Amino acid sequence: MLETVRSRARPYFEDAPPAHDWHHVQRVETLAETLVDRHPQSASIDGRVVSLAVLLHDIGRQREDRGEIDDHATWGAREAGRILEEIGAGAETTERVQHCVRAHRYSNAIEPETLEAKLVSDADNLDALGALGIARVFAYGGEVGSPIYDPEAPIADDETPDGRTQYNHLHKKILDLPERMYTTVGSRIADERAAFVREYVAQFDAELGGER
C-alpha cells in the first residue's frame, strides 16, 4: 500500500517549487522514521499511518499557492481520503491518516490528537529548521517575491503573522517552532536546529552592520 500511495502522491508535486517539492516530502519521511525509532513508545506507534500521512500531507500545497483553495491541509485530507478509499485502505486507517494531514499545518487551529499526528507535525516542522530550513525560507521568499531584508520593516513593527521579509520570517515563525513541538524527541532535534538558525541570524546581523 505504501508504494502505491507514494506513486499516487508524487504527481501532485510535479513542477513544484523547491520549498515544498517532493524532496521536502522525502526529508519529512526520513525525519518521521527517526522520530518513530527514537520515541519511547515506538512499539505502540502505527508507523504505516505516519508514513502514509507524510506522503500525502502536502498534496494540496500547490493548489493553495496558486490560489485555488484556502487551506491545503483541509483539502489534502479530503483528497487523501479519496486516494486511500480507491486503493482499498480500511476506514480506520483512512480516518487516522486524514487527521494527521488535517492537523499538520503550522497556521491552522487543529491540534493533533493522536501520537501519529504529533509525529507527522513534528517531522514537518523540523524540515523548516536548521540549515535546510534556512534554505527553504529563502527559496520560498524568492518564489513569492518578498525581500530578503528591509531596514524599513523592523521586526518590532511587523504585525504580519509570517513576516514581511525573509529575515523577519526567521524570527517570527521559524525560531518559534521549537515551542510548537509535540514530542520530546522532536523537541531535542528542534532545539539543535534552532541553535544553528540563531547562529546564522547572528552572522546575518553582524554582516548588516558591517562588522564581519
N, C-alpha and C. Protein backbone atom coordinates (compact mmCIF):
# COMPACT_ATOMS: atom_id res chain seq x y z
N MET A 1 0.82 -1.22 0.00
CA MET A 1 0.00 0.00 0.00
C MET A 1 0.85 1.27 0.00
N LEU A 2 1.94 1.25 0.77
CA LEU A 2 2.78 2.44 0.89
C LEU A 2 3.34 2.87 -0.45
N GLU A 3 3.84 1.93 -1.22
CA GLU A 3 4.42 2.29 -2.51
C GLU A 3 3.36 2.73 -3.50
N THR A 4 2.16 2.17 -3.38
CA THR A 4 1.05 2.62 -4.23
C THR A 4 0.71 4.06 -3.93
N VAL A 5 0.63 4.40 -2.65
CA VAL A 5 0.34 5.78 -2.26
C VAL A 5 1.48 6.70 -2.68
N ARG A 6 2.71 6.23 -2.56
CA ARG A 6 3.85 7.05 -3.00
C ARG A 6 3.72 7.41 -4.48
N SER A 7 3.35 6.42 -5.29
CA SER A 7 3.21 6.67 -6.73
C SER A 7 2.00 7.56 -7.02
N ARG A 8 0.99 7.49 -6.17
CA ARG A 8 -0.19 8.35 -6.37
C ARG A 8 0.08 9.78 -5.90
N ALA A 9 0.91 9.92 -4.88
CA ALA A 9 1.16 11.25 -4.32
C ALA A 9 2.14 12.08 -5.15
N ARG A 10 3.13 11.44 -5.72
CA ARG A 10 4.21 12.19 -6.36
C ARG A 10 3.75 13.12 -7.49
N PRO A 11 2.78 12.73 -8.32
CA PRO A 11 2.36 13.66 -9.39
C PRO A 11 1.82 14.99 -8.88
N TYR A 12 1.35 15.05 -7.65
CA TYR A 12 0.86 16.32 -7.10
C TYR A 12 1.99 17.34 -6.94
N PHE A 13 3.23 16.87 -7.00
CA PHE A 13 4.39 17.73 -6.79
C PHE A 13 5.13 18.03 -8.09
N GLU A 14 4.54 17.68 -9.20
CA GLU A 14 5.18 17.94 -10.49
C GLU A 14 5.35 19.45 -10.68
N ASP A 15 6.57 19.86 -11.00
CA ASP A 15 6.92 21.27 -11.20
C ASP A 15 6.75 22.11 -9.94
N ALA A 16 6.73 21.47 -8.77
CA ALA A 16 6.62 22.22 -7.51
C ALA A 16 7.90 23.00 -7.24
N PRO A 17 7.80 24.22 -6.74
CA PRO A 17 9.00 24.99 -6.39
C PRO A 17 9.71 24.33 -5.21
N PRO A 18 10.99 24.65 -5.01
CA PRO A 18 11.82 23.87 -4.09
C PRO A 18 11.41 23.86 -2.63
N ALA A 19 10.74 24.88 -2.16
CA ALA A 19 10.40 24.92 -0.73
C ALA A 19 9.41 23.84 -0.33
N HIS A 20 8.55 23.43 -1.26
CA HIS A 20 7.54 22.42 -0.96
C HIS A 20 7.47 21.37 -2.07
N ASP A 21 8.61 20.89 -2.49
CA ASP A 21 8.65 19.92 -3.58
C ASP A 21 8.67 18.49 -3.02
N TRP A 22 8.86 17.52 -3.91
CA TRP A 22 8.87 16.12 -3.49
C TRP A 22 10.05 15.81 -2.58
N HIS A 23 11.16 16.56 -2.75
CA HIS A 23 12.31 16.36 -1.88
C HIS A 23 11.96 16.71 -0.43
N HIS A 24 11.11 17.74 -0.26
CA HIS A 24 10.63 18.07 1.09
C HIS A 24 9.90 16.88 1.70
N VAL A 25 9.04 16.26 0.92
CA VAL A 25 8.30 15.08 1.41
C VAL A 25 9.27 13.97 1.81
N GLN A 26 10.28 13.75 1.00
CA GLN A 26 11.26 12.69 1.30
C GLN A 26 12.02 12.99 2.58
N ARG A 27 12.36 14.27 2.79
CA ARG A 27 13.07 14.63 4.02
C ARG A 27 12.17 14.44 5.24
N VAL A 28 10.92 14.83 5.10
CA VAL A 28 9.98 14.66 6.22
C VAL A 28 9.78 13.17 6.51
N GLU A 29 9.77 12.36 5.47
CA GLU A 29 9.64 10.92 5.66
C GLU A 29 10.82 10.38 6.47
N THR A 30 12.03 10.81 6.14
CA THR A 30 13.21 10.37 6.86
C THR A 30 13.17 10.84 8.32
N LEU A 31 12.77 12.10 8.52
CA LEU A 31 12.66 12.63 9.87
C LEU A 31 11.61 11.88 10.68
N ALA A 32 10.49 11.57 10.06
CA ALA A 32 9.43 10.83 10.75
C ALA A 32 9.92 9.46 11.19
N GLU A 33 10.69 8.80 10.33
CA GLU A 33 11.25 7.50 10.68
C GLU A 33 12.18 7.62 11.89
N THR A 34 12.98 8.69 11.92
CA THR A 34 13.88 8.92 13.05
C THR A 34 13.09 9.15 14.33
N LEU A 35 12.04 9.97 14.25
CA LEU A 35 11.24 10.26 15.43
C LEU A 35 10.55 9.00 15.96
N VAL A 36 10.03 8.19 15.06
CA VAL A 36 9.36 6.95 15.48
C VAL A 36 10.37 6.02 16.14
N ASP A 37 11.54 5.87 15.53
CA ASP A 37 12.56 4.96 16.07
C ASP A 37 13.03 5.40 17.46
N ARG A 38 13.13 6.70 17.68
CA ARG A 38 13.67 7.20 18.95
C ARG A 38 12.60 7.43 20.00
N HIS A 39 11.34 7.32 19.63
CA HIS A 39 10.27 7.59 20.60
C HIS A 39 10.18 6.45 21.61
N PRO A 40 10.04 6.77 22.90
CA PRO A 40 9.97 5.69 23.91
C PRO A 40 8.76 4.77 23.76
N GLN A 41 7.73 5.23 23.05
CA GLN A 41 6.55 4.40 22.83
C GLN A 41 6.51 3.89 21.38
N SER A 42 7.66 3.70 20.78
CA SER A 42 7.72 3.33 19.36
C SER A 42 6.92 2.07 19.05
N ALA A 43 6.88 1.14 20.00
CA ALA A 43 6.17 -0.12 19.75
C ALA A 43 4.67 0.08 19.58
N SER A 44 4.14 1.17 20.14
CA SER A 44 2.70 1.41 20.07
C SER A 44 2.31 2.35 18.93
N ILE A 45 3.30 2.84 18.18
CA ILE A 45 3.03 3.77 17.09
C ILE A 45 2.66 3.01 15.83
N ASP A 46 1.63 3.47 15.15
CA ASP A 46 1.26 2.87 13.86
C ASP A 46 2.11 3.54 12.78
N GLY A 47 3.24 2.92 12.49
CA GLY A 47 4.17 3.51 11.53
C GLY A 47 3.58 3.64 10.14
N ARG A 48 2.66 2.75 9.80
CA ARG A 48 2.05 2.84 8.47
C ARG A 48 1.23 4.11 8.34
N VAL A 49 0.48 4.45 9.39
CA VAL A 49 -0.31 5.68 9.37
C VAL A 49 0.60 6.89 9.22
N VAL A 50 1.71 6.90 9.97
CA VAL A 50 2.66 8.01 9.89
C VAL A 50 3.22 8.13 8.47
N SER A 51 3.65 7.03 7.90
CA SER A 51 4.25 7.07 6.56
C SER A 51 3.24 7.51 5.50
N LEU A 52 2.04 6.98 5.56
CA LEU A 52 1.02 7.36 4.59
C LEU A 52 0.69 8.85 4.71
N ALA A 53 0.58 9.33 5.94
CA ALA A 53 0.26 10.74 6.15
C ALA A 53 1.36 11.66 5.65
N VAL A 54 2.62 11.27 5.87
CA VAL A 54 3.74 12.07 5.38
C VAL A 54 3.70 12.19 3.86
N LEU A 55 3.47 11.08 3.19
CA LEU A 55 3.43 11.10 1.72
C LEU A 55 2.30 11.99 1.20
N LEU A 56 1.23 12.11 1.96
CA LEU A 56 0.04 12.83 1.49
C LEU A 56 -0.12 14.22 2.10
N HIS A 57 0.73 14.60 3.05
CA HIS A 57 0.45 15.80 3.84
C HIS A 57 0.45 17.09 3.02
N ASP A 58 1.21 17.16 1.95
CA ASP A 58 1.31 18.41 1.19
C ASP A 58 0.76 18.29 -0.23
N ILE A 59 -0.10 17.31 -0.49
CA ILE A 59 -0.60 17.15 -1.87
C ILE A 59 -1.46 18.33 -2.32
N GLY A 60 -1.93 19.12 -1.37
CA GLY A 60 -2.72 20.30 -1.74
C GLY A 60 -1.94 21.60 -1.74
N ARG A 61 -0.67 21.52 -1.44
CA ARG A 61 0.11 22.75 -1.28
C ARG A 61 0.16 23.60 -2.54
N GLN A 62 0.38 22.97 -3.68
CA GLN A 62 0.47 23.75 -4.92
C GLN A 62 -0.85 24.41 -5.26
N ARG A 63 -1.95 23.73 -4.97
CA ARG A 63 -3.26 24.34 -5.21
C ARG A 63 -3.45 25.59 -4.36
N GLU A 64 -3.03 25.51 -3.11
CA GLU A 64 -3.15 26.68 -2.24
C GLU A 64 -2.28 27.82 -2.73
N ASP A 65 -1.05 27.50 -3.11
CA ASP A 65 -0.13 28.54 -3.56
C ASP A 65 -0.62 29.20 -4.85
N ARG A 66 -1.38 28.45 -5.65
CA ARG A 66 -1.95 29.03 -6.88
C ARG A 66 -3.26 29.77 -6.61
N GLY A 67 -3.72 29.75 -5.36
CA GLY A 67 -4.95 30.44 -5.00
C GLY A 67 -6.21 29.69 -5.34
N GLU A 68 -6.10 28.39 -5.60
CA GLU A 68 -7.27 27.59 -5.97
C GLU A 68 -8.05 27.10 -4.75
N ILE A 69 -7.38 26.99 -3.60
CA ILE A 69 -8.02 26.57 -2.36
C ILE A 69 -7.48 27.44 -1.23
N ASP A 70 -8.20 27.45 -0.11
CA ASP A 70 -7.78 28.28 1.02
C ASP A 70 -6.83 27.57 1.97
N ASP A 71 -7.01 26.27 2.14
CA ASP A 71 -6.23 25.54 3.14
C ASP A 71 -5.81 24.19 2.58
N HIS A 72 -4.52 24.03 2.32
CA HIS A 72 -4.05 22.79 1.71
C HIS A 72 -4.19 21.59 2.64
N ALA A 73 -4.19 21.83 3.95
CA ALA A 73 -4.34 20.71 4.89
C ALA A 73 -5.75 20.15 4.86
N THR A 74 -6.73 21.03 4.85
CA THR A 74 -8.13 20.58 4.80
C THR A 74 -8.43 19.90 3.47
N TRP A 75 -8.03 20.54 2.38
CA TRP A 75 -8.24 19.94 1.06
C TRP A 75 -7.46 18.64 0.93
N GLY A 76 -6.21 18.65 1.42
CA GLY A 76 -5.37 17.47 1.32
C GLY A 76 -5.94 16.28 2.08
N ALA A 77 -6.57 16.54 3.22
CA ALA A 77 -7.17 15.45 3.99
C ALA A 77 -8.31 14.81 3.21
N ARG A 78 -9.12 15.64 2.55
CA ARG A 78 -10.21 15.09 1.74
C ARG A 78 -9.66 14.29 0.56
N GLU A 79 -8.65 14.83 -0.10
CA GLU A 79 -8.06 14.15 -1.25
C GLU A 79 -7.36 12.87 -0.81
N ALA A 80 -6.72 12.90 0.34
CA ALA A 80 -6.07 11.71 0.87
C ALA A 80 -7.11 10.62 1.12
N GLY A 81 -8.27 11.02 1.65
CA GLY A 81 -9.34 10.06 1.87
C GLY A 81 -9.80 9.41 0.58
N ARG A 82 -9.89 10.21 -0.47
CA ARG A 82 -10.31 9.67 -1.77
C ARG A 82 -9.28 8.69 -2.30
N ILE A 83 -8.01 9.04 -2.20
CA ILE A 83 -6.94 8.17 -2.68
C ILE A 83 -6.93 6.85 -1.91
N LEU A 84 -7.01 6.95 -0.60
CA LEU A 84 -6.94 5.75 0.24
C LEU A 84 -8.16 4.86 0.02
N GLU A 85 -9.31 5.47 -0.18
CA GLU A 85 -10.51 4.67 -0.45
C GLU A 85 -10.36 3.92 -1.78
N GLU A 86 -9.80 4.60 -2.77
CA GLU A 86 -9.65 3.99 -4.09
C GLU A 86 -8.70 2.80 -4.08
N ILE A 87 -7.72 2.81 -3.19
CA ILE A 87 -6.76 1.70 -3.17
C ILE A 87 -7.14 0.66 -2.13
N GLY A 88 -8.29 0.83 -1.49
CA GLY A 88 -8.80 -0.20 -0.59
C GLY A 88 -8.33 -0.14 0.84
N ALA A 89 -7.89 1.02 1.30
CA ALA A 89 -7.49 1.16 2.70
C ALA A 89 -8.71 1.07 3.60
N GLY A 90 -8.53 0.57 4.80
CA GLY A 90 -9.64 0.46 5.74
C GLY A 90 -10.09 1.82 6.24
N ALA A 91 -11.31 1.88 6.73
CA ALA A 91 -11.88 3.14 7.19
C ALA A 91 -11.10 3.73 8.35
N GLU A 92 -10.67 2.89 9.29
CA GLU A 92 -9.95 3.40 10.44
C GLU A 92 -8.60 3.99 10.03
N THR A 93 -7.87 3.28 9.17
CA THR A 93 -6.59 3.80 8.69
C THR A 93 -6.79 5.12 7.96
N THR A 94 -7.80 5.16 7.11
CA THR A 94 -8.07 6.38 6.34
C THR A 94 -8.36 7.55 7.26
N GLU A 95 -9.20 7.35 8.25
CA GLU A 95 -9.55 8.44 9.17
C GLU A 95 -8.34 8.92 9.95
N ARG A 96 -7.48 7.99 10.36
CA ARG A 96 -6.30 8.38 11.13
C ARG A 96 -5.30 9.15 10.27
N VAL A 97 -5.15 8.72 9.03
CA VAL A 97 -4.27 9.45 8.11
C VAL A 97 -4.84 10.83 7.83
N GLN A 98 -6.13 10.91 7.60
CA GLN A 98 -6.76 12.20 7.32
C GLN A 98 -6.56 13.17 8.48
N HIS A 99 -6.67 12.67 9.70
CA HIS A 99 -6.45 13.56 10.85
C HIS A 99 -5.02 14.08 10.87
N CYS A 100 -4.06 13.21 10.57
CA CYS A 100 -2.66 13.65 10.52
C CYS A 100 -2.46 14.75 9.49
N VAL A 101 -3.04 14.58 8.32
CA VAL A 101 -2.91 15.57 7.25
C VAL A 101 -3.58 16.87 7.65
N ARG A 102 -4.76 16.76 8.22
CA ARG A 102 -5.53 17.94 8.60
C ARG A 102 -4.83 18.74 9.70
N ALA A 103 -4.14 18.04 10.60
CA ALA A 103 -3.57 18.69 11.78
C ALA A 103 -2.10 19.08 11.62
N HIS A 104 -1.48 18.80 10.47
CA HIS A 104 -0.04 19.03 10.37
C HIS A 104 0.31 20.50 10.18
N ARG A 105 -0.62 21.30 9.74
CA ARG A 105 -0.29 22.65 9.32
C ARG A 105 0.01 23.57 10.50
N TYR A 106 1.07 24.35 10.37
CA TYR A 106 1.50 25.28 11.42
C TYR A 106 0.42 26.30 11.76
N SER A 107 -0.23 26.84 10.73
CA SER A 107 -1.05 28.03 10.94
C SER A 107 -2.54 27.76 11.10
N ASN A 108 -2.97 26.50 11.17
CA ASN A 108 -4.39 26.31 11.43
C ASN A 108 -4.61 25.98 12.90
N ALA A 109 -5.86 25.89 13.30
CA ALA A 109 -6.18 25.75 14.72
C ALA A 109 -6.48 24.31 15.11
N ILE A 110 -6.10 23.35 14.27
CA ILE A 110 -6.39 21.96 14.55
C ILE A 110 -5.21 21.32 15.28
N GLU A 111 -5.45 20.87 16.49
CA GLU A 111 -4.40 20.24 17.28
C GLU A 111 -4.35 18.74 16.98
N PRO A 112 -3.17 18.18 16.81
CA PRO A 112 -3.07 16.73 16.62
C PRO A 112 -3.51 15.99 17.88
N GLU A 113 -4.42 15.05 17.70
CA GLU A 113 -4.98 14.34 18.84
C GLU A 113 -4.39 12.95 19.03
N THR A 114 -3.62 12.48 18.08
CA THR A 114 -3.00 11.15 18.18
C THR A 114 -1.50 11.29 18.17
N LEU A 115 -0.81 10.28 18.67
CA LEU A 115 0.65 10.32 18.66
C LEU A 115 1.17 10.35 17.23
N GLU A 116 0.51 9.62 16.34
CA GLU A 116 0.92 9.62 14.93
C GLU A 116 0.84 11.02 14.34
N ALA A 117 -0.24 11.74 14.64
CA ALA A 117 -0.40 13.10 14.11
C ALA A 117 0.64 14.05 14.69
N LYS A 118 0.98 13.85 15.96
CA LYS A 118 2.01 14.68 16.58
C LYS A 118 3.36 14.44 15.93
N LEU A 119 3.65 13.19 15.60
CA LEU A 119 4.92 12.87 14.96
C LEU A 119 5.00 13.44 13.55
N VAL A 120 3.91 13.38 12.81
CA VAL A 120 3.90 13.95 11.46
C VAL A 120 4.11 15.46 11.53
N SER A 121 3.42 16.12 12.46
CA SER A 121 3.57 17.56 12.62
C SER A 121 5.01 17.92 12.99
N ASP A 122 5.58 17.18 13.94
CA ASP A 122 6.95 17.47 14.36
C ASP A 122 7.94 17.27 13.21
N ALA A 123 7.77 16.19 12.46
CA ALA A 123 8.69 15.93 11.35
C ALA A 123 8.61 17.04 10.30
N ASP A 124 7.40 17.48 10.01
CA ASP A 124 7.22 18.55 9.02
C ASP A 124 7.85 19.85 9.52
N ASN A 125 7.65 20.17 10.79
CA ASN A 125 8.22 21.40 11.34
C ASN A 125 9.75 21.33 11.42
N LEU A 126 10.29 20.15 11.67
CA LEU A 126 11.74 20.03 11.73
C LEU A 126 12.40 20.36 10.39
N ASP A 127 11.72 20.08 9.30
CA ASP A 127 12.32 20.40 7.99
C ASP A 127 12.32 21.90 7.73
N ALA A 128 11.66 22.66 8.59
CA ALA A 128 11.68 24.12 8.48
C ALA A 128 12.75 24.74 9.36
N LEU A 129 13.50 23.90 10.07
CA LEU A 129 14.55 24.39 10.97
C LEU A 129 15.93 23.97 10.46
N GLY A 130 16.96 24.56 11.04
CA GLY A 130 18.33 24.20 10.69
C GLY A 130 18.76 24.74 9.34
N ALA A 131 19.81 24.16 8.81
CA ALA A 131 20.37 24.62 7.53
C ALA A 131 19.35 24.47 6.41
N LEU A 132 18.67 23.33 6.38
CA LEU A 132 17.67 23.11 5.34
C LEU A 132 16.50 24.08 5.50
N GLY A 133 16.13 24.34 6.73
CA GLY A 133 15.04 25.27 6.97
C GLY A 133 15.36 26.67 6.47
N ILE A 134 16.59 27.12 6.72
CA ILE A 134 17.00 28.44 6.23
C ILE A 134 16.94 28.46 4.70
N ALA A 135 17.44 27.40 4.08
CA ALA A 135 17.40 27.34 2.62
C ALA A 135 15.97 27.42 2.11
N ARG A 136 15.05 26.75 2.80
CA ARG A 136 13.65 26.77 2.37
C ARG A 136 13.02 28.14 2.54
N VAL A 137 13.39 28.84 3.60
CA VAL A 137 12.85 30.20 3.81
C VAL A 137 13.20 31.10 2.64
N PHE A 138 14.46 31.08 2.23
CA PHE A 138 14.89 31.96 1.14
C PHE A 138 14.40 31.47 -0.22
N ALA A 139 14.26 30.15 -0.36
CA ALA A 139 13.69 29.64 -1.61
C ALA A 139 12.24 30.08 -1.74
N TYR A 140 11.47 29.97 -0.67
CA TYR A 140 10.06 30.36 -0.72
C TYR A 140 9.93 31.87 -0.86
N GLY A 141 10.80 32.61 -0.17
CA GLY A 141 10.76 34.07 -0.29
C GLY A 141 11.01 34.52 -1.72
N GLY A 142 11.97 33.86 -2.38
CA GLY A 142 12.21 34.19 -3.79
C GLY A 142 11.03 33.83 -4.66
N GLU A 143 10.37 32.73 -4.31
CA GLU A 143 9.20 32.28 -5.07
C GLU A 143 8.08 33.32 -5.03
N VAL A 144 7.82 33.87 -3.84
CA VAL A 144 6.70 34.81 -3.68
C VAL A 144 7.13 36.26 -3.85
N GLY A 145 8.44 36.50 -3.99
CA GLY A 145 8.93 37.85 -4.25
C GLY A 145 9.07 38.75 -3.04
N SER A 146 9.21 38.17 -1.85
CA SER A 146 9.41 39.00 -0.66
C SER A 146 10.89 39.35 -0.53
N PRO A 147 11.21 40.53 0.03
CA PRO A 147 12.62 40.92 0.15
C PRO A 147 13.35 40.07 1.18
N ILE A 148 14.65 39.94 1.00
CA ILE A 148 15.46 39.22 1.98
C ILE A 148 15.44 39.97 3.30
N TYR A 149 15.67 41.28 3.23
CA TYR A 149 15.73 42.12 4.43
C TYR A 149 15.35 43.54 4.03
N ASP A 150 14.65 44.21 4.91
CA ASP A 150 14.26 45.60 4.64
C ASP A 150 14.42 46.39 5.94
N PRO A 151 15.36 47.33 5.99
CA PRO A 151 15.55 48.11 7.22
C PRO A 151 14.32 48.94 7.59
N GLU A 152 13.43 49.17 6.63
CA GLU A 152 12.21 49.92 6.92
C GLU A 152 11.07 49.02 7.40
N ALA A 153 11.38 47.74 7.59
CA ALA A 153 10.38 46.80 8.11
C ALA A 153 10.96 46.08 9.32
N PRO A 154 11.24 46.82 10.39
CA PRO A 154 11.83 46.18 11.58
C PRO A 154 10.86 45.17 12.19
N ILE A 155 11.42 44.16 12.82
CA ILE A 155 10.60 43.10 13.40
C ILE A 155 9.61 43.66 14.42
N ALA A 156 10.04 44.63 15.20
CA ALA A 156 9.18 45.18 16.24
C ALA A 156 7.92 45.82 15.68
N ASP A 157 7.97 46.30 14.45
CA ASP A 157 6.81 46.96 13.83
C ASP A 157 6.08 46.06 12.85
N ASP A 158 6.55 44.84 12.69
CA ASP A 158 5.97 43.92 11.71
C ASP A 158 4.84 43.14 12.36
N GLU A 159 3.61 43.47 12.01
CA GLU A 159 2.45 42.83 12.62
C GLU A 159 1.90 41.68 11.78
N THR A 160 2.56 41.34 10.68
CA THR A 160 2.11 40.23 9.85
C THR A 160 2.46 38.91 10.54
N PRO A 161 1.65 37.89 10.35
CA PRO A 161 1.92 36.62 11.05
C PRO A 161 3.18 35.91 10.58
N ASP A 162 3.54 36.06 9.31
CA ASP A 162 4.68 35.34 8.76
C ASP A 162 5.91 36.20 8.54
N GLY A 163 5.77 37.51 8.68
CA GLY A 163 6.89 38.40 8.46
C GLY A 163 6.89 39.00 7.07
N ARG A 164 7.18 40.29 6.98
CA ARG A 164 7.16 40.99 5.69
C ARG A 164 8.40 40.72 4.87
N THR A 165 9.45 40.22 5.51
CA THR A 165 10.68 39.87 4.80
C THR A 165 11.10 38.46 5.21
N GLN A 166 12.03 37.93 4.47
CA GLN A 166 12.52 36.59 4.81
C GLN A 166 13.27 36.60 6.14
N TYR A 167 13.99 37.66 6.41
CA TYR A 167 14.68 37.82 7.70
C TYR A 167 13.67 37.83 8.83
N ASN A 168 12.61 38.60 8.66
CA ASN A 168 11.58 38.66 9.70
C ASN A 168 10.90 37.31 9.89
N HIS A 169 10.74 36.57 8.79
CA HIS A 169 10.11 35.26 8.87
C HIS A 169 10.92 34.32 9.76
N LEU A 170 12.23 34.41 9.68
CA LEU A 170 13.07 33.58 10.54
C LEU A 170 12.76 33.84 12.01
N HIS A 171 12.58 35.12 12.35
CA HIS A 171 12.32 35.49 13.75
C HIS A 171 10.89 35.18 14.16
N LYS A 172 9.93 35.50 13.31
CA LYS A 172 8.53 35.43 13.70
C LYS A 172 7.95 34.02 13.64
N LYS A 173 8.49 33.17 12.80
CA LYS A 173 7.91 31.84 12.64
C LYS A 173 8.91 30.71 12.89
N ILE A 174 10.05 30.76 12.22
CA ILE A 174 10.97 29.62 12.28
C ILE A 174 11.52 29.42 13.69
N LEU A 175 11.98 30.49 14.33
CA LEU A 175 12.55 30.34 15.66
C LEU A 175 11.49 30.06 16.73
N ASP A 176 10.23 30.14 16.36
CA ASP A 176 9.14 29.80 17.27
C ASP A 176 8.82 28.30 17.24
N LEU A 177 9.33 27.60 16.24
CA LEU A 177 8.96 26.20 16.03
C LEU A 177 9.31 25.27 17.20
N PRO A 178 10.46 25.43 17.87
CA PRO A 178 10.73 24.52 18.99
C PRO A 178 9.64 24.52 20.05
N GLU A 179 8.97 25.65 20.22
CA GLU A 179 7.89 25.72 21.21
C GLU A 179 6.63 25.02 20.74
N ARG A 180 6.58 24.67 19.47
CA ARG A 180 5.38 24.05 18.90
C ARG A 180 5.55 22.54 18.69
N MET A 181 6.64 21.99 19.17
CA MET A 181 6.86 20.55 19.02
C MET A 181 5.98 19.80 20.02
N TYR A 182 5.54 18.64 19.62
CA TYR A 182 4.62 17.86 20.45
C TYR A 182 5.29 16.69 21.16
N THR A 183 6.46 16.28 20.70
CA THR A 183 7.13 15.13 21.31
C THR A 183 8.49 15.55 21.86
N THR A 184 8.92 14.84 22.88
CA THR A 184 10.22 15.15 23.48
C THR A 184 11.36 14.92 22.50
N VAL A 185 11.28 13.82 21.76
CA VAL A 185 12.34 13.53 20.80
C VAL A 185 12.36 14.60 19.71
N GLY A 186 11.21 15.07 19.29
CA GLY A 186 11.16 16.14 18.30
C GLY A 186 11.73 17.44 18.85
N SER A 187 11.45 17.71 20.12
CA SER A 187 11.95 18.94 20.75
C SER A 187 13.47 18.96 20.81
N ARG A 188 14.06 17.80 21.08
CA ARG A 188 15.52 17.75 21.16
C ARG A 188 16.17 18.12 19.83
N ILE A 189 15.65 17.55 18.76
CA ILE A 189 16.21 17.86 17.43
C ILE A 189 15.92 19.31 17.07
N ALA A 190 14.71 19.78 17.42
CA ALA A 190 14.34 21.16 17.10
C ALA A 190 15.26 22.15 17.80
N ASP A 191 15.61 21.88 19.05
CA ASP A 191 16.50 22.79 19.79
C ASP A 191 17.87 22.86 19.12
N GLU A 192 18.36 21.72 18.65
CA GLU A 192 19.66 21.70 17.97
C GLU A 192 19.61 22.50 16.68
N ARG A 193 18.56 22.30 15.92
CA ARG A 193 18.43 23.01 14.64
C ARG A 193 18.19 24.50 14.85
N ALA A 194 17.41 24.84 15.88
CA ALA A 194 17.15 26.25 16.16
C ALA A 194 18.44 26.97 16.58
N ALA A 195 19.31 26.27 17.29
CA ALA A 195 20.59 26.87 17.70
C ALA A 195 21.40 27.27 16.46
N PHE A 196 21.35 26.44 15.43
CA PHE A 196 22.05 26.78 14.18
C PHE A 196 21.42 28.00 13.53
N VAL A 197 20.10 28.09 13.55
CA VAL A 197 19.41 29.24 12.96
C VAL A 197 19.81 30.52 13.71
N ARG A 198 19.90 30.44 15.02
CA ARG A 198 20.30 31.62 15.80
C ARG A 198 21.73 32.04 15.47
N GLU A 199 22.61 31.06 15.25
CA GLU A 199 23.98 31.38 14.83
C GLU A 199 23.97 32.09 13.48
N TYR A 200 23.13 31.60 12.59
CA TYR A 200 23.03 32.22 11.27
C TYR A 200 22.52 33.66 11.38
N VAL A 201 21.50 33.86 12.19
CA VAL A 201 20.93 35.20 12.36
C VAL A 201 21.98 36.14 12.97
N ALA A 202 22.78 35.65 13.91
CA ALA A 202 23.82 36.48 14.50
C ALA A 202 24.84 36.90 13.44
N GLN A 203 25.21 35.97 12.56
CA GLN A 203 26.12 36.31 11.47
C GLN A 203 25.47 37.30 10.52
N PHE A 204 24.20 37.10 10.21
CA PHE A 204 23.45 38.00 9.33
C PHE A 204 23.45 39.41 9.91
N ASP A 205 23.15 39.53 11.21
CA ASP A 205 23.12 40.84 11.85
C ASP A 205 24.49 41.51 11.80
N ALA A 206 25.53 40.73 12.05
CA ALA A 206 26.87 41.29 12.03
C ALA A 206 27.25 41.79 10.64
N GLU A 207 26.85 41.06 9.63
CA GLU A 207 27.15 41.48 8.26
C GLU A 207 26.36 42.73 7.89
N LEU A 208 25.10 42.81 8.36
CA LEU A 208 24.32 44.02 8.11
C LEU A 208 25.00 45.25 8.68
N GLY A 209 25.59 45.08 9.83
CA GLY A 209 26.25 46.21 10.49
C GLY A 209 27.68 46.43 10.02
N GLY A 210 28.13 45.62 9.03
CA GLY A 210 29.47 45.77 8.51
C GLY A 210 30.54 45.32 9.48
N GLU A 211 30.16 44.51 10.48
CA GLU A 211 31.11 44.08 11.49
C GLU A 211 31.93 42.88 11.03
N ARG A 212 31.41 42.10 10.09
CA ARG A 212 32.12 40.90 9.61
C ARG A 212 32.12 40.89 8.08
